[in-house]
Full PDB file with SEQRES, HELIX, SHEET, SSBOND, CRYST1, ORIGX, SCALE, CONECT and MASTER records, all heavy atoms in Angstrom:
SEQRES   1 A   38  PRO ALA GLN LEU GLU ASP VAL LEU THR LEU PHE TRP ALA          
SEQRES   2 A   38  GLY GLU GLN ALA ALA ASP GLY GLU PRO LEU ALA VAL GLY          
SEQRES   3 A   38  GLY ASP SER ALA GLY GLY THR ILE ALA ALA GLY TRP              
HELIX    1 AA1 ALA A    2  ASP A    6  1                                   5    
HELIX    2 AA2 THR A    9  GLN A   16  1                                   8    
HELIX    3 AA3 ALA A   30  GLY A   37  1                                   8    
CRYST1    1.000    1.000    1.000  90.00  90.00  90.00 P 1           1          
ORIGX1      1.000000  0.000000  0.000000        0.00000                         
ORIGX2      0.000000  1.000000  0.000000        0.00000                         
ORIGX3      0.000000  0.000000  1.000000        0.00000                         
SCALE1      1.000000  0.000000  0.000000        0.00000                         
SCALE2      0.000000  1.000000  0.000000        0.00000                         
SCALE3      0.000000  0.000000  1.000000        0.00000                         
ATOM      1  N   PRO A   1      13.844  -6.664  -3.170  1.00  0.00           N  
ATOM      2  CA  PRO A   1      12.499  -6.140  -2.967  1.00  0.00           C  
ATOM      3  C   PRO A   1      12.352  -5.209  -1.762  1.00  0.00           C  
ATOM      4  O   PRO A   1      11.256  -5.084  -1.217  1.00  0.00           O  
ATOM      5  CB  PRO A   1      11.668  -7.399  -2.764  1.00  0.00           C  
ATOM      6  CG  PRO A   1      12.582  -8.297  -1.987  1.00  0.00           C  
ATOM      7  CD  PRO A   1      13.975  -8.000  -2.545  1.00  0.00           C  
ATOM      8  N   ALA A   2      13.438  -4.560  -1.331  1.00  0.00           N  
ATOM      9  CA  ALA A   2      13.368  -3.700  -0.135  1.00  0.00           C  
ATOM     10  C   ALA A   2      12.256  -2.664  -0.260  1.00  0.00           C  
ATOM     11  O   ALA A   2      11.508  -2.428   0.690  1.00  0.00           O  
ATOM     12  CB  ALA A   2      14.709  -3.004   0.093  1.00  0.00           C  
ATOM     13  N   GLN A   3      12.122  -2.049  -1.420  1.00  0.00           N  
ATOM     14  CA  GLN A   3      11.116  -1.001  -1.611  1.00  0.00           C  
ATOM     15  C   GLN A   3       9.702  -1.568  -1.464  1.00  0.00           C  
ATOM     16  O   GLN A   3       8.838  -0.965  -0.824  1.00  0.00           O  
ATOM     17  CB  GLN A   3      11.285  -0.346  -2.990  1.00  0.00           C  
ATOM     18  CG  GLN A   3      12.618   0.337  -3.174  1.00  0.00           C  
ATOM     19  CD  GLN A   3      13.766  -0.611  -3.514  1.00  0.00           C  
ATOM     20  OE1 GLN A   3      13.572  -1.787  -3.779  1.00  0.00           O  
ATOM     21  NE2 GLN A   3      14.982  -0.082  -3.516  1.00  0.00           N  
ATOM     22  N   LEU A   4       9.471  -2.712  -2.053  1.00  0.00           N  
ATOM     23  CA  LEU A   4       8.166  -3.357  -1.963  1.00  0.00           C  
ATOM     24  C   LEU A   4       7.844  -3.719  -0.515  1.00  0.00           C  
ATOM     25  O   LEU A   4       6.730  -3.502  -0.037  1.00  0.00           O  
ATOM     26  CB  LEU A   4       8.152  -4.603  -2.848  1.00  0.00           C  
ATOM     27  CG  LEU A   4       6.829  -5.272  -3.118  1.00  0.00           C  
ATOM     28  CD1 LEU A   4       5.879  -4.341  -3.836  1.00  0.00           C  
ATOM     29  CD2 LEU A   4       7.039  -6.534  -3.928  1.00  0.00           C  
ATOM     30  N   GLU A   5       8.823  -4.228   0.194  1.00  0.00           N  
ATOM     31  CA  GLU A   5       8.631  -4.596   1.596  1.00  0.00           C  
ATOM     32  C   GLU A   5       8.315  -3.372   2.453  1.00  0.00           C  
ATOM     33  O   GLU A   5       7.515  -3.457   3.391  1.00  0.00           O  
ATOM     34  CB  GLU A   5       9.871  -5.304   2.133  1.00  0.00           C  
ATOM     35  CG  GLU A   5      10.088  -6.664   1.497  1.00  0.00           C  
ATOM     36  CD  GLU A   5      11.457  -7.251   1.786  1.00  0.00           C  
ATOM     37  OE1 GLU A   5      12.327  -6.529   2.341  1.00  0.00           O  
ATOM     38  OE2 GLU A   5      11.663  -8.418   1.449  1.00  0.00           O  
ATOM     39  N   ASP A   6       8.916  -2.242   2.136  1.00  0.00           N  
ATOM     40  CA  ASP A   6       8.695  -1.038   2.932  1.00  0.00           C  
ATOM     41  C   ASP A   6       7.272  -0.514   2.810  1.00  0.00           C  
ATOM     42  O   ASP A   6       6.788   0.181   3.695  1.00  0.00           O  
ATOM     43  CB  ASP A   6       9.689   0.057   2.556  1.00  0.00           C  
ATOM     44  CG  ASP A   6      11.071  -0.213   3.114  1.00  0.00           C  
ATOM     45  OD1 ASP A   6      11.237  -1.194   3.872  1.00  0.00           O  
ATOM     46  OD2 ASP A   6      11.982   0.557   2.792  1.00  0.00           O  
ATOM     47  N   VAL A   7       6.596  -0.818   1.749  1.00  0.00           N  
ATOM     48  CA  VAL A   7       5.238  -0.328   1.574  1.00  0.00           C  
ATOM     49  C   VAL A   7       4.241  -1.250   2.301  1.00  0.00           C  
ATOM     50  O   VAL A   7       3.046  -1.175   2.119  1.00  0.00           O  
ATOM     51  CB  VAL A   7       4.907  -0.104   0.079  1.00  0.00           C  
ATOM     52  CG1 VAL A   7       3.525   0.475  -0.129  1.00  0.00           C  
ATOM     53  CG2 VAL A   7       5.920   0.873  -0.521  1.00  0.00           C  
ATOM     54  N   LEU A   8       4.762  -2.041   3.199  1.00  0.00           N  
ATOM     55  CA  LEU A   8       3.895  -2.793   4.106  1.00  0.00           C  
ATOM     56  C   LEU A   8       3.083  -1.850   4.981  1.00  0.00           C  
ATOM     57  O   LEU A   8       2.209  -2.284   5.713  1.00  0.00           O  
ATOM     58  CB  LEU A   8       4.726  -3.730   4.996  1.00  0.00           C  
ATOM     59  CG  LEU A   8       5.272  -4.965   4.305  1.00  0.00           C  
ATOM     60  CD1 LEU A   8       6.258  -5.681   5.227  1.00  0.00           C  
ATOM     61  CD2 LEU A   8       4.147  -5.908   3.910  1.00  0.00           C  
ATOM     62  N   THR A   9       3.362  -0.554   4.887  1.00  0.00           N  
ATOM     63  CA  THR A   9       2.564   0.422   5.622  1.00  0.00           C  
ATOM     64  C   THR A   9       1.094   0.302   5.264  1.00  0.00           C  
ATOM     65  O   THR A   9       0.241   0.721   6.035  1.00  0.00           O  
ATOM     66  CB  THR A   9       3.033   1.861   5.330  1.00  0.00           C  
ATOM     67  OG1 THR A   9       3.056   2.064   3.925  1.00  0.00           O  
ATOM     68  CG2 THR A   9       4.395   2.117   5.924  1.00  0.00           C  
ATOM     69  N   LEU A  10       0.797  -0.299   4.111  1.00  0.00           N  
ATOM     70  CA  LEU A  10      -0.602  -0.450   3.761  1.00  0.00           C  
ATOM     71  C   LEU A  10      -1.312  -1.324   4.784  1.00  0.00           C  
ATOM     72  O   LEU A  10      -2.493  -1.153   5.040  1.00  0.00           O  
ATOM     73  CB  LEU A  10      -0.786  -0.977   2.341  1.00  0.00           C  
ATOM     74  CG  LEU A  10      -0.350  -2.403   2.025  1.00  0.00           C  
ATOM     75  CD1 LEU A  10      -1.534  -3.348   2.105  1.00  0.00           C  
ATOM     76  CD2 LEU A  10       0.211  -2.425   0.617  1.00  0.00           C  
ATOM     77  N   PHE A  11      -0.596  -2.252   5.415  1.00  0.00           N  
ATOM     78  CA  PHE A  11      -1.237  -3.064   6.454  1.00  0.00           C  
ATOM     79  C   PHE A  11      -1.522  -2.223   7.687  1.00  0.00           C  
ATOM     80  O   PHE A  11      -2.553  -2.378   8.327  1.00  0.00           O  
ATOM     81  CB  PHE A  11      -0.383  -4.274   6.804  1.00  0.00           C  
ATOM     82  CG  PHE A  11      -0.326  -5.291   5.691  1.00  0.00           C  
ATOM     83  CD1 PHE A  11       0.882  -5.791   5.257  1.00  0.00           C  
ATOM     84  CD2 PHE A  11      -1.490  -5.730   5.082  1.00  0.00           C  
ATOM     85  CE1 PHE A  11       0.920  -6.717   4.228  1.00  0.00           C  
ATOM     86  CE2 PHE A  11      -1.457  -6.653   4.056  1.00  0.00           C  
ATOM     87  CZ  PHE A  11      -0.243  -7.156   3.627  1.00  0.00           C  
ATOM     88  N   TRP A  12      -0.611  -1.314   8.031  1.00  0.00           N  
ATOM     89  CA  TRP A  12      -0.869  -0.406   9.149  1.00  0.00           C  
ATOM     90  C   TRP A  12      -2.100   0.444   8.852  1.00  0.00           C  
ATOM     91  O   TRP A  12      -2.974   0.619   9.706  1.00  0.00           O  
ATOM     92  CB  TRP A  12       0.359   0.475   9.412  1.00  0.00           C  
ATOM     93  CG  TRP A  12       0.092   1.515  10.447  1.00  0.00           C  
ATOM     94  CD1 TRP A  12       0.187   1.378  11.806  1.00  0.00           C  
ATOM     95  CD2 TRP A  12      -0.342   2.854  10.216  1.00  0.00           C  
ATOM     96  NE1 TRP A  12      -0.158   2.554  12.423  1.00  0.00           N  
ATOM     97  CE2 TRP A  12      -0.492   3.479  11.472  1.00  0.00           C  
ATOM     98  CE3 TRP A  12      -0.623   3.597   9.073  1.00  0.00           C  
ATOM     99  CZ2 TRP A  12      -0.893   4.804  11.605  1.00  0.00           C  
ATOM    100  CZ3 TRP A  12      -1.036   4.905   9.211  1.00  0.00           C  
ATOM    101  CH2 TRP A  12      -1.167   5.493  10.473  1.00  0.00           C  
ATOM    102  N   ALA A  13      -2.178   0.976   7.637  1.00  0.00           N  
ATOM    103  CA  ALA A  13      -3.326   1.802   7.261  1.00  0.00           C  
ATOM    104  C   ALA A  13      -4.613   0.997   7.353  1.00  0.00           C  
ATOM    105  O   ALA A  13      -5.638   1.502   7.810  1.00  0.00           O  
ATOM    106  CB  ALA A  13      -3.145   2.362   5.851  1.00  0.00           C  
ATOM    107  N   GLY A  14      -4.574  -0.252   6.940  1.00  0.00           N  
ATOM    108  CA  GLY A  14      -5.759  -1.097   7.023  1.00  0.00           C  
ATOM    109  C   GLY A  14      -6.216  -1.323   8.443  1.00  0.00           C  
ATOM    110  O   GLY A  14      -7.416  -1.439   8.709  1.00  0.00           O  
ATOM    111  N   GLU A  15      -5.285  -1.353   9.372  1.00  0.00           N  
ATOM    112  CA  GLU A  15      -5.647  -1.516  10.777  1.00  0.00           C  
ATOM    113  C   GLU A  15      -6.268  -0.243  11.341  1.00  0.00           C  
ATOM    114  O   GLU A  15      -7.023  -0.296  12.306  1.00  0.00           O  
ATOM    115  CB  GLU A  15      -4.414  -1.919  11.586  1.00  0.00           C  
ATOM    116  CG  GLU A  15      -3.939  -3.327  11.230  1.00  0.00           C  
ATOM    117  CD  GLU A  15      -2.556  -3.639  11.754  1.00  0.00           C  
ATOM    118  OE1 GLU A  15      -1.926  -2.760  12.385  1.00  0.00           O  
ATOM    119  OE2 GLU A  15      -2.098  -4.763  11.517  1.00  0.00           O  
ATOM    120  N   GLN A  16      -5.968   0.914  10.739  1.00  0.00           N  
ATOM    121  CA  GLN A  16      -6.542   2.180  11.190  1.00  0.00           C  
ATOM    122  C   GLN A  16      -7.943   2.398  10.628  1.00  0.00           C  
ATOM    123  O   GLN A  16      -8.750   3.097  11.222  1.00  0.00           O  
ATOM    124  CB  GLN A  16      -5.652   3.364  10.766  1.00  0.00           C  
ATOM    125  CG  GLN A  16      -4.201   3.243  11.132  1.00  0.00           C  
ATOM    126  CD  GLN A  16      -3.985   2.963  12.600  1.00  0.00           C  
ATOM    127  OE1 GLN A  16      -4.469   3.696  13.448  1.00  0.00           O  
ATOM    128  NE2 GLN A  16      -3.270   1.894  12.906  1.00  0.00           N  
ATOM    129  N   ALA A  17      -8.208   1.818   9.474  1.00  0.00           N  
ATOM    130  CA  ALA A  17      -9.487   2.020   8.801  1.00  0.00           C  
ATOM    131  C   ALA A  17     -10.616   1.346   9.560  1.00  0.00           C  
ATOM    132  O   ALA A  17     -10.430   0.309  10.195  1.00  0.00           O  
ATOM    133  CB  ALA A  17      -9.410   1.470   7.373  1.00  0.00           C  
ATOM    134  N   ALA A  18     -11.787   1.940   9.486  1.00  0.00           N  
ATOM    135  CA  ALA A  18     -12.984   1.341  10.086  1.00  0.00           C  
ATOM    136  C   ALA A  18     -13.381   0.117   9.270  1.00  0.00           C  
ATOM    137  O   ALA A  18     -13.060   0.009   8.077  1.00  0.00           O  
ATOM    138  CB  ALA A  18     -14.118   2.361  10.102  1.00  0.00           C  
ATOM    139  N   ASP A  19     -14.075  -0.812   9.899  1.00  0.00           N  
ATOM    140  CA  ASP A  19     -14.548  -1.999   9.184  1.00  0.00           C  
ATOM    141  C   ASP A  19     -15.363  -1.582   7.973  1.00  0.00           C  
ATOM    142  O   ASP A  19     -16.211  -0.698   8.058  1.00  0.00           O  
ATOM    143  CB  ASP A  19     -15.396  -2.873  10.103  1.00  0.00           C  
ATOM    144  CG  ASP A  19     -14.550  -3.644  11.105  1.00  0.00           C  
ATOM    145  OD1 ASP A  19     -13.352  -3.848  10.838  1.00  0.00           O  
ATOM    146  OD2 ASP A  19     -15.089  -4.039  12.152  1.00  0.00           O  
ATOM    147  N   GLY A  20     -15.075  -2.211   6.856  1.00  0.00           N  
ATOM    148  CA  GLY A  20     -15.793  -1.927   5.629  1.00  0.00           C  
ATOM    149  C   GLY A  20     -15.289  -0.722   4.860  1.00  0.00           C  
ATOM    150  O   GLY A  20     -15.722  -0.478   3.749  1.00  0.00           O  
ATOM    151  N   GLU A  21     -14.374   0.045   5.448  1.00  0.00           N  
ATOM    152  CA  GLU A  21     -13.836   1.221   4.765  1.00  0.00           C  
ATOM    153  C   GLU A  21     -12.828   0.753   3.715  1.00  0.00           C  
ATOM    154  O   GLU A  21     -11.966  -0.058   4.003  1.00  0.00           O  
ATOM    155  CB  GLU A  21     -13.158   2.121   5.799  1.00  0.00           C  
ATOM    156  CG  GLU A  21     -13.027   3.539   5.389  1.00  0.00           C  
ATOM    157  CD  GLU A  21     -12.522   4.416   6.533  1.00  0.00           C  
ATOM    158  OE1 GLU A  21     -11.991   3.899   7.527  1.00  0.00           O  
ATOM    159  OE2 GLU A  21     -12.668   5.627   6.405  1.00  0.00           O  
ATOM    160  N   PRO A  22     -12.914   1.249   2.477  1.00  0.00           N  
ATOM    161  CA  PRO A  22     -12.007   0.769   1.431  1.00  0.00           C  
ATOM    162  C   PRO A  22     -10.559   1.197   1.673  1.00  0.00           C  
ATOM    163  O   PRO A  22     -10.294   2.242   2.265  1.00  0.00           O  
ATOM    164  CB  PRO A  22     -12.555   1.389   0.148  1.00  0.00           C  
ATOM    165  CG  PRO A  22     -13.458   2.474   0.566  1.00  0.00           C  
ATOM    166  CD  PRO A  22     -13.885   2.203   1.970  1.00  0.00           C  
ATOM    167  N   LEU A  23      -9.651   0.367   1.194  1.00  0.00           N  
ATOM    168  CA  LEU A  23      -8.224   0.632   1.245  1.00  0.00           C  
ATOM    169  C   LEU A  23      -7.680   0.420  -0.158  1.00  0.00           C  
ATOM    170  O   LEU A  23      -7.937  -0.612  -0.778  1.00  0.00           O  
ATOM    171  CB  LEU A  23      -7.527  -0.321   2.217  1.00  0.00           C  
ATOM    172  CG  LEU A  23      -5.999  -0.301   2.215  1.00  0.00           C  
ATOM    173  CD1 LEU A  23      -5.487   1.034   2.752  1.00  0.00           C  
ATOM    174  CD2 LEU A  23      -5.458  -1.445   3.040  1.00  0.00           C  
ATOM    175  N   ALA A  24      -6.953   1.413  -0.650  1.00  0.00           N  
ATOM    176  CA  ALA A  24      -6.352   1.320  -1.977  1.00  0.00           C  
ATOM    177  C   ALA A  24      -4.871   1.637  -1.852  1.00  0.00           C  
ATOM    178  O   ALA A  24      -4.425   2.247  -0.883  1.00  0.00           O  
ATOM    179  CB  ALA A  24      -7.019   2.306  -2.941  1.00  0.00           C  
ATOM    180  N   VAL A  25      -4.119   1.193  -2.832  1.00  0.00           N  
ATOM    181  CA  VAL A  25      -2.705   1.507  -2.910  1.00  0.00           C  
ATOM    182  C   VAL A  25      -2.468   2.161  -4.262  1.00  0.00           C  
ATOM    183  O   VAL A  25      -3.076   1.781  -5.259  1.00  0.00           O  
ATOM    184  CB  VAL A  25      -1.823   0.247  -2.698  1.00  0.00           C  
ATOM    185  CG1 VAL A  25      -2.096  -0.818  -3.743  1.00  0.00           C  
ATOM    186  CG2 VAL A  25      -0.345   0.601  -2.653  1.00  0.00           C  
ATOM    187  N   GLY A  26      -1.620   3.164  -4.297  1.00  0.00           N  
ATOM    188  CA  GLY A  26      -1.351   3.865  -5.540  1.00  0.00           C  
ATOM    189  C   GLY A  26       0.027   4.476  -5.509  1.00  0.00           C  
ATOM    190  O   GLY A  26       0.705   4.461  -4.479  1.00  0.00           O  
ATOM    191  N   GLY A  27       0.439   4.999  -6.630  1.00  0.00           N  
ATOM    192  CA  GLY A  27       1.741   5.630  -6.692  1.00  0.00           C  
ATOM    193  C   GLY A  27       2.021   6.222  -8.045  1.00  0.00           C  
ATOM    194  O   GLY A  27       1.285   6.003  -9.005  1.00  0.00           O  
ATOM    195  N   ASP A  28       3.092   6.965  -8.095  1.00  0.00           N  
ATOM    196  CA  ASP A  28       3.537   7.630  -9.311  1.00  0.00           C  
ATOM    197  C   ASP A  28       4.881   7.051  -9.717  1.00  0.00           C  
ATOM    198  O   ASP A  28       5.765   6.903  -8.869  1.00  0.00           O  
ATOM    199  CB  ASP A  28       3.673   9.130  -9.027  1.00  0.00           C  
ATOM    200  CG  ASP A  28       4.328   9.864 -10.169  1.00  0.00           C  
ATOM    201  OD1 ASP A  28       3.658  10.056 -11.189  1.00  0.00           O  
ATOM    202  OD2 ASP A  28       5.512  10.210 -10.035  1.00  0.00           O  
ATOM    203  N   SER A  29       5.048   6.711 -10.990  1.00  0.00           N  
ATOM    204  CA  SER A  29       6.324   6.246 -11.527  1.00  0.00           C  
ATOM    205  C   SER A  29       6.792   5.005 -10.765  1.00  0.00           C  
ATOM    206  O   SER A  29       6.089   4.000 -10.750  1.00  0.00           O  
ATOM    207  CB  SER A  29       7.346   7.391 -11.501  1.00  0.00           C  
ATOM    208  OG  SER A  29       8.513   7.042 -12.205  1.00  0.00           O  
ATOM    209  N   ALA A  30       7.937   5.066 -10.108  1.00  0.00           N  
ATOM    210  CA  ALA A  30       8.423   3.903  -9.350  1.00  0.00           C  
ATOM    211  C   ALA A  30       7.406   3.504  -8.286  1.00  0.00           C  
ATOM    212  O   ALA A  30       7.190   2.319  -8.029  1.00  0.00           O  
ATOM    213  CB  ALA A  30       9.772   4.206  -8.707  1.00  0.00           C  
ATOM    214  N   GLY A  31       6.756   4.480  -7.673  1.00  0.00           N  
ATOM    215  CA  GLY A  31       5.719   4.191  -6.691  1.00  0.00           C  
ATOM    216  C   GLY A  31       4.539   3.456  -7.303  1.00  0.00           C  
ATOM    217  O   GLY A  31       3.914   2.616  -6.659  1.00  0.00           O  
ATOM    218  N   GLY A  32       4.224   3.753  -8.561  1.00  0.00           N  
ATOM    219  CA  GLY A  32       3.173   3.022  -9.268  1.00  0.00           C  
ATOM    220  C   GLY A  32       3.565   1.573  -9.488  1.00  0.00           C  
ATOM    221  O   GLY A  32       2.723   0.675  -9.411  1.00  0.00           O  
ATOM    222  N   THR A  33       4.840   1.336  -9.742  1.00  0.00           N  
ATOM    223  CA  THR A  33       5.321  -0.037  -9.888  1.00  0.00           C  
ATOM    224  C   THR A  33       5.196  -0.788  -8.567  1.00  0.00           C  
ATOM    225  O   THR A  33       4.808  -1.960  -8.534  1.00  0.00           O  
ATOM    226  CB  THR A  33       6.788  -0.045 -10.366  1.00  0.00           C  
ATOM    227  OG1 THR A  33       6.866   0.681 -11.598  1.00  0.00           O  
ATOM    228  CG2 THR A  33       7.297  -1.456 -10.578  1.00  0.00           C  
ATOM    229  N   ILE A  34       5.508  -0.120  -7.469  1.00  0.00           N  
ATOM    230  CA  ILE A  34       5.356  -0.739  -6.150  1.00  0.00           C  
ATOM    231  C   ILE A  34       3.885  -1.071  -5.910  1.00  0.00           C  
ATOM    232  O   ILE A  34       3.547  -2.168  -5.458  1.00  0.00           O  
ATOM    233  CB  ILE A  34       5.907   0.186  -5.049  1.00  0.00           C  
ATOM    234  CG1 ILE A  34       7.433   0.300  -5.177  1.00  0.00           C  
ATOM    235  CG2 ILE A  34       5.506  -0.316  -3.664  1.00  0.00           C  
ATOM    236  CD1 ILE A  34       8.045   1.378  -4.307  1.00  0.00           C  
ATOM    237  N   ALA A  35       2.988  -0.128  -6.226  1.00  0.00           N  
ATOM    238  CA  ALA A  35       1.559  -0.361  -6.043  1.00  0.00           C  
ATOM    239  C   ALA A  35       1.085  -1.535  -6.894  1.00  0.00           C  
ATOM    240  O   ALA A  35       0.323  -2.385  -6.433  1.00  0.00           O  
ATOM    241  CB  ALA A  35       0.767   0.902  -6.387  1.00  0.00           C  
ATOM    242  N   ALA A  36       1.545  -1.590  -8.136  1.00  0.00           N  
ATOM    243  CA  ALA A  36       1.161  -2.699  -9.013  1.00  0.00           C  
ATOM    244  C   ALA A  36       1.691  -4.021  -8.470  1.00  0.00           C  
ATOM    245  O   ALA A  36       1.007  -5.048  -8.531  1.00  0.00           O  
ATOM    246  CB  ALA A  36       1.686  -2.463 -10.425  1.00  0.00           C  
ATOM    247  N   GLY A  37       2.897  -4.001  -7.924  1.00  0.00           N  
ATOM    248  CA  GLY A  37       3.463  -5.212  -7.337  1.00  0.00           C  
ATOM    249  C   GLY A  37       2.628  -5.731  -6.186  1.00  0.00           C  
ATOM    250  O   GLY A  37       2.376  -6.930  -6.075  1.00  0.00           O  
ATOM    251  N   TRP A  38       2.162  -4.824  -5.333  1.00  0.00           N  
ATOM    252  CA  TRP A  38       1.320  -5.243  -4.214  1.00  0.00           C  
ATOM    253  C   TRP A  38      -0.022  -5.731  -4.702  1.00  0.00           C  
ATOM    254  O   TRP A  38      -0.550  -6.728  -4.205  1.00  0.00           O  
ATOM    255  CB  TRP A  38       1.127  -4.105  -3.215  1.00  0.00           C  
ATOM    256  CG  TRP A  38       2.144  -4.185  -2.135  1.00  0.00           C  
ATOM    257  CD1 TRP A  38       3.194  -3.354  -1.947  1.00  0.00           C  
ATOM    258  CD2 TRP A  38       2.229  -5.177  -1.123  1.00  0.00           C  
ATOM    259  NE1 TRP A  38       3.929  -3.774  -0.865  1.00  0.00           N  
ATOM    260  CE2 TRP A  38       3.359  -4.883  -0.344  1.00  0.00           C  
ATOM    261  CE3 TRP A  38       1.469  -6.292  -0.797  1.00  0.00           C  
ATOM    262  CZ2 TRP A  38       3.739  -5.664   0.746  1.00  0.00           C  
ATOM    263  CZ3 TRP A  38       1.850  -7.071   0.291  1.00  0.00           C  
ATOM    264  CH2 TRP A  38       2.970  -6.753   1.039  1.00  0.00           C  
TER     265      TRP A  38                                                      
MASTER        0    0    0    3    0    0    0    6  264    1    0    3          
END                                                                             
């Protein structure tokens, strides 16, 4: 699951977002699979 673990950047992004600001994950092809996994 190295690829899935690397997309932990979504937690960093969530820390940058203002309170109440939405956070989404997305991707194309293999990236879409990673997004679906998360």
